[in-house]
């Protein structure tokens, strides 16, 4: 199982790189991240939180009341519009 890094671990401040290889290793990482997130009763987890400096994260709001369980995987996300 992957270890989840917690604040103030300095590795969480390192810059992540874009995902370039969409291969078995990426699918395995995403599966392992989901396992770690669910075991920690979390609703989201980013790759840097498990020591992987990649631009990806997963979420599943289904553990909250009123939401259906469904895992979403975001790879190389970009914020197009934002406030502030």
N, C-alpha and C. Protein backbone atom coordinates (compact mmCIF):
# COMPACT_ATOMS: atom_id res chain seq x y z
N UNK A 1 0.83 -1.18 0.00
CA UNK A 1 0.00 0.00 0.00
C UNK A 1 0.88 1.25 0.00
N UNK A 2 0.39 2.28 -0.64
CA UNK A 2 1.11 3.55 -0.70
C UNK A 2 0.98 4.30 0.62
N UNK A 3 2.07 4.93 1.05
CA UNK A 3 2.03 5.80 2.22
C UNK A 3 1.55 7.17 1.79
N UNK A 4 0.67 7.77 2.57
CA UNK A 4 0.16 9.10 2.28
C UNK A 4 0.96 10.12 3.08
N UNK A 5 1.60 11.05 2.36
CA UNK A 5 2.37 12.11 3.01
C UNK A 5 1.41 13.14 3.59
N UNK A 6 1.80 13.71 4.70
CA UNK A 6 0.96 14.70 5.36
C UNK A 6 1.75 15.97 5.61
N UNK A 7 1.04 17.09 5.63
CA UNK A 7 1.63 18.39 5.94
C UNK A 7 2.27 18.30 7.32
N UNK A 8 3.45 18.81 7.49
CA UNK A 8 4.25 19.73 6.68
C UNK A 8 5.37 19.05 5.89
N UNK A 9 5.19 17.84 5.44
CA UNK A 9 6.23 17.14 4.69
C UNK A 9 6.70 18.02 3.52
N UNK A 10 7.98 18.35 3.43
CA UNK A 10 8.47 19.26 2.39
C UNK A 10 8.30 18.72 0.97
N UNK A 11 8.16 17.42 0.82
CA UNK A 11 7.98 16.85 -0.53
C UNK A 11 6.66 17.32 -1.15
N UNK A 12 5.70 17.74 -0.32
CA UNK A 12 4.42 18.20 -0.84
C UNK A 12 4.53 19.55 -1.55
N UNK A 13 5.63 20.25 -1.38
CA UNK A 13 5.83 21.55 -2.02
C UNK A 13 6.61 21.46 -3.32
N UNK A 14 7.05 20.27 -3.68
CA UNK A 14 7.83 20.11 -4.91
C UNK A 14 6.92 20.20 -6.13
N UNK A 15 7.49 20.68 -7.23
CA UNK A 15 6.73 20.85 -8.46
C UNK A 15 6.49 19.52 -9.16
N UNK A 16 5.25 19.30 -9.57
CA UNK A 16 4.88 18.07 -10.27
C UNK A 16 5.08 18.25 -11.77
N UNK A 17 5.28 17.13 -12.45
CA UNK A 17 5.49 17.11 -13.89
C UNK A 17 4.26 16.56 -14.60
N UNK A 18 4.06 16.94 -15.86
CA UNK A 18 2.94 16.38 -16.61
C UNK A 18 3.10 14.88 -16.82
N UNK A 19 1.99 14.20 -16.88
CA UNK A 19 1.99 12.78 -17.22
C UNK A 19 2.22 12.67 -18.72
N UNK A 20 3.18 11.87 -19.11
CA UNK A 20 3.48 11.70 -20.54
C UNK A 20 3.24 10.27 -21.02
N UNK A 21 3.35 9.31 -20.12
CA UNK A 21 3.17 7.91 -20.51
C UNK A 21 1.86 7.37 -19.94
N UNK A 22 0.95 7.05 -20.83
CA UNK A 22 -0.33 6.47 -20.43
C UNK A 22 -0.20 4.96 -20.62
N UNK A 23 0.43 4.34 -19.62
CA UNK A 23 0.80 2.93 -19.73
C UNK A 23 0.33 2.15 -18.51
N UNK A 24 0.76 0.91 -18.41
CA UNK A 24 0.37 0.05 -17.30
C UNK A 24 0.82 0.62 -15.97
N UNK A 25 1.98 1.24 -15.92
CA UNK A 25 2.48 1.82 -14.68
C UNK A 25 1.54 2.93 -14.18
N UNK A 26 1.00 3.72 -15.10
CA UNK A 26 0.05 4.78 -14.72
C UNK A 26 -1.23 4.16 -14.18
N UNK A 27 -1.74 3.15 -14.86
CA UNK A 27 -2.97 2.50 -14.40
C UNK A 27 -2.77 1.85 -13.03
N UNK A 28 -1.61 1.26 -12.82
CA UNK A 28 -1.30 0.65 -11.53
C UNK A 28 -1.23 1.72 -10.44
N UNK A 29 -0.58 2.84 -10.73
CA UNK A 29 -0.51 3.94 -9.78
C UNK A 29 -1.90 4.43 -9.41
N UNK A 30 -2.76 4.64 -10.40
CA UNK A 30 -4.12 5.11 -10.13
C UNK A 30 -4.89 4.11 -9.27
N UNK A 31 -4.75 2.83 -9.57
CA UNK A 31 -5.41 1.79 -8.75
C UNK A 31 -4.88 1.80 -7.33
N UNK A 32 -3.56 1.90 -7.17
CA UNK A 32 -2.95 1.92 -5.84
C UNK A 32 -3.37 3.17 -5.06
N UNK A 33 -3.48 4.31 -5.76
CA UNK A 33 -3.93 5.53 -5.11
C UNK A 33 -5.37 5.39 -4.63
N UNK A 34 -6.21 4.78 -5.44
CA UNK A 34 -7.61 4.58 -5.03
C UNK A 34 -7.68 3.69 -3.80
N UNK A 35 -6.91 2.63 -3.78
CA UNK A 35 -6.89 1.74 -2.61
C UNK A 35 -6.46 2.51 -1.37
N UNK A 36 -5.40 3.30 -1.48
CA UNK A 36 -4.91 4.07 -0.33
C UNK A 36 -5.95 5.09 0.13
N UNK A 37 -6.59 5.76 -0.83
CA UNK A 37 -7.59 6.77 -0.48
C UNK A 37 -8.77 6.14 0.25
N UNK A 38 -9.29 5.04 -0.28
CA UNK A 38 -10.43 4.39 0.36
C UNK A 38 -10.06 3.85 1.74
N UNK A 39 -8.87 3.29 1.89
CA UNK A 39 -8.45 2.77 3.19
C UNK A 39 -8.28 3.88 4.22
N UNK A 40 -7.98 5.09 3.75
CA UNK A 40 -7.83 6.24 4.65
C UNK A 40 -9.16 6.98 4.83
N UNK A 41 -10.24 6.44 4.25
CA UNK A 41 -11.56 7.08 4.30
C UNK A 41 -11.54 8.49 3.74
N UNK A 42 -10.73 8.69 2.69
CA UNK A 42 -10.64 9.98 2.04
C UNK A 42 -11.58 10.09 0.87
N UNK A 43 -11.70 11.33 0.35
CA UNK A 43 -12.53 11.56 -0.83
C UNK A 43 -11.69 12.06 -2.01
N UNK A 44 -10.40 12.27 -1.79
CA UNK A 44 -9.52 12.72 -2.85
C UNK A 44 -8.08 12.46 -2.49
N UNK A 45 -7.25 12.32 -3.52
CA UNK A 45 -5.83 12.07 -3.30
C UNK A 45 -5.07 12.50 -4.54
N UNK A 46 -3.99 13.26 -4.35
CA UNK A 46 -3.14 13.70 -5.45
C UNK A 46 -1.85 12.89 -5.45
N UNK A 47 -1.28 12.71 -6.63
CA UNK A 47 -0.06 11.93 -6.75
C UNK A 47 1.07 12.41 -5.83
N UNK A 48 1.29 13.73 -5.67
CA UNK A 48 2.35 14.15 -4.75
C UNK A 48 2.13 13.69 -3.31
N UNK A 49 0.89 13.46 -2.94
CA UNK A 49 0.59 12.98 -1.58
C UNK A 49 1.07 11.55 -1.35
N UNK A 50 1.39 10.84 -2.43
CA UNK A 50 1.93 9.49 -2.29
C UNK A 50 3.37 9.44 -2.83
N UNK A 51 4.00 10.62 -2.91
CA UNK A 51 5.40 10.69 -3.28
C UNK A 51 5.68 10.61 -4.77
N UNK A 52 4.68 10.79 -5.60
CA UNK A 52 4.85 10.76 -7.06
C UNK A 52 4.63 12.17 -7.60
N UNK A 53 5.65 12.75 -8.16
CA UNK A 53 5.56 14.13 -8.64
C UNK A 53 4.96 14.18 -10.05
N UNK A 54 3.69 13.83 -10.12
CA UNK A 54 2.94 13.83 -11.37
C UNK A 54 1.68 14.66 -11.21
N UNK A 55 1.25 15.28 -12.30
CA UNK A 55 0.04 16.10 -12.28
C UNK A 55 -1.18 15.21 -12.48
N UNK A 56 -1.61 14.61 -11.40
CA UNK A 56 -2.83 13.82 -11.43
C UNK A 56 -3.42 13.72 -10.04
N UNK A 57 -4.74 13.57 -10.00
CA UNK A 57 -5.42 13.34 -8.73
C UNK A 57 -6.68 12.55 -8.98
N UNK A 58 -7.20 11.97 -7.91
CA UNK A 58 -8.43 11.19 -7.97
C UNK A 58 -9.39 11.73 -6.93
N UNK A 59 -10.69 11.61 -7.20
CA UNK A 59 -11.70 11.96 -6.21
C UNK A 59 -12.86 10.98 -6.30
N UNK A 60 -13.54 10.81 -5.19
CA UNK A 60 -14.78 10.05 -5.12
C UNK A 60 -15.61 10.65 -4.00
N UNK A 61 -16.62 11.42 -4.37
CA UNK A 61 -17.46 12.08 -3.38
C UNK A 61 -18.50 11.14 -2.78
N UNK A 62 -18.54 9.90 -3.24
CA UNK A 62 -19.55 8.95 -2.80
C UNK A 62 -19.50 8.60 -1.34
N UNK A 63 -18.42 8.92 -0.64
CA UNK A 63 -18.36 8.64 0.77
C UNK A 63 -19.08 9.72 1.58
N UNK A 64 -19.55 10.77 0.90
CA UNK A 64 -20.34 11.81 1.56
C UNK A 64 -21.82 11.54 1.33
N UNK A 65 -22.62 11.91 2.28
CA UNK A 65 -24.06 11.72 2.18
C UNK A 65 -24.61 12.48 0.98
N UNK A 66 -25.45 11.82 0.21
CA UNK A 66 -26.09 12.45 -0.92
C UNK A 66 -25.36 12.28 -2.24
N UNK A 67 -24.22 11.63 -2.24
CA UNK A 67 -23.45 11.42 -3.46
C UNK A 67 -23.36 9.93 -3.78
N UNK A 68 -23.33 9.63 -5.07
CA UNK A 68 -23.16 8.26 -5.53
C UNK A 68 -21.67 7.96 -5.64
N UNK A 69 -21.28 6.78 -5.21
CA UNK A 69 -19.87 6.42 -5.27
C UNK A 69 -19.44 6.24 -6.72
N UNK A 70 -18.43 7.02 -7.11
CA UNK A 70 -17.86 6.92 -8.45
C UNK A 70 -16.49 7.56 -8.42
N UNK A 71 -15.51 6.84 -8.87
CA UNK A 71 -14.13 7.31 -8.87
C UNK A 71 -13.86 8.11 -10.14
N UNK A 72 -13.32 9.31 -9.96
CA UNK A 72 -12.91 10.16 -11.08
C UNK A 72 -11.39 10.29 -11.04
N UNK A 73 -10.76 10.20 -12.20
CA UNK A 73 -9.32 10.32 -12.31
C UNK A 73 -9.01 11.52 -13.22
N UNK A 74 -8.21 12.44 -12.71
CA UNK A 74 -7.85 13.65 -13.45
C UNK A 74 -6.36 13.60 -13.75
N UNK A 75 -6.03 13.66 -15.03
CA UNK A 75 -4.64 13.57 -15.46
C UNK A 75 -4.29 14.84 -16.24
N UNK A 76 -3.22 15.51 -15.83
CA UNK A 76 -2.80 16.78 -16.42
C UNK A 76 -3.93 17.82 -16.43
N UNK A 77 -4.60 18.03 -15.29
CA UNK A 77 -5.70 19.00 -15.27
C UNK A 77 -5.18 20.42 -15.45
N UNK A 78 -6.03 21.27 -16.01
CA UNK A 78 -5.72 22.69 -16.20
C UNK A 78 -6.91 23.50 -15.72
N UNK A 79 -6.63 24.54 -14.96
CA UNK A 79 -7.68 25.46 -14.54
C UNK A 79 -7.82 26.52 -15.63
N UNK A 80 -8.99 26.58 -16.25
CA UNK A 80 -9.20 27.52 -17.34
C UNK A 80 -9.77 28.84 -16.85
N UNK A 81 -10.59 28.79 -15.83
CA UNK A 81 -11.20 30.00 -15.28
C UNK A 81 -11.16 29.89 -13.77
N UNK A 82 -10.95 30.98 -13.13
CA UNK A 82 -10.93 30.96 -11.67
C UNK A 82 -11.13 32.35 -11.11
N UNK A 83 -11.57 32.40 -9.90
CA UNK A 83 -11.78 33.68 -9.22
C UNK A 83 -10.54 34.03 -8.42
N UNK A 84 -10.27 35.30 -8.33
CA UNK A 84 -9.22 35.77 -7.46
C UNK A 84 -7.94 35.87 -8.12
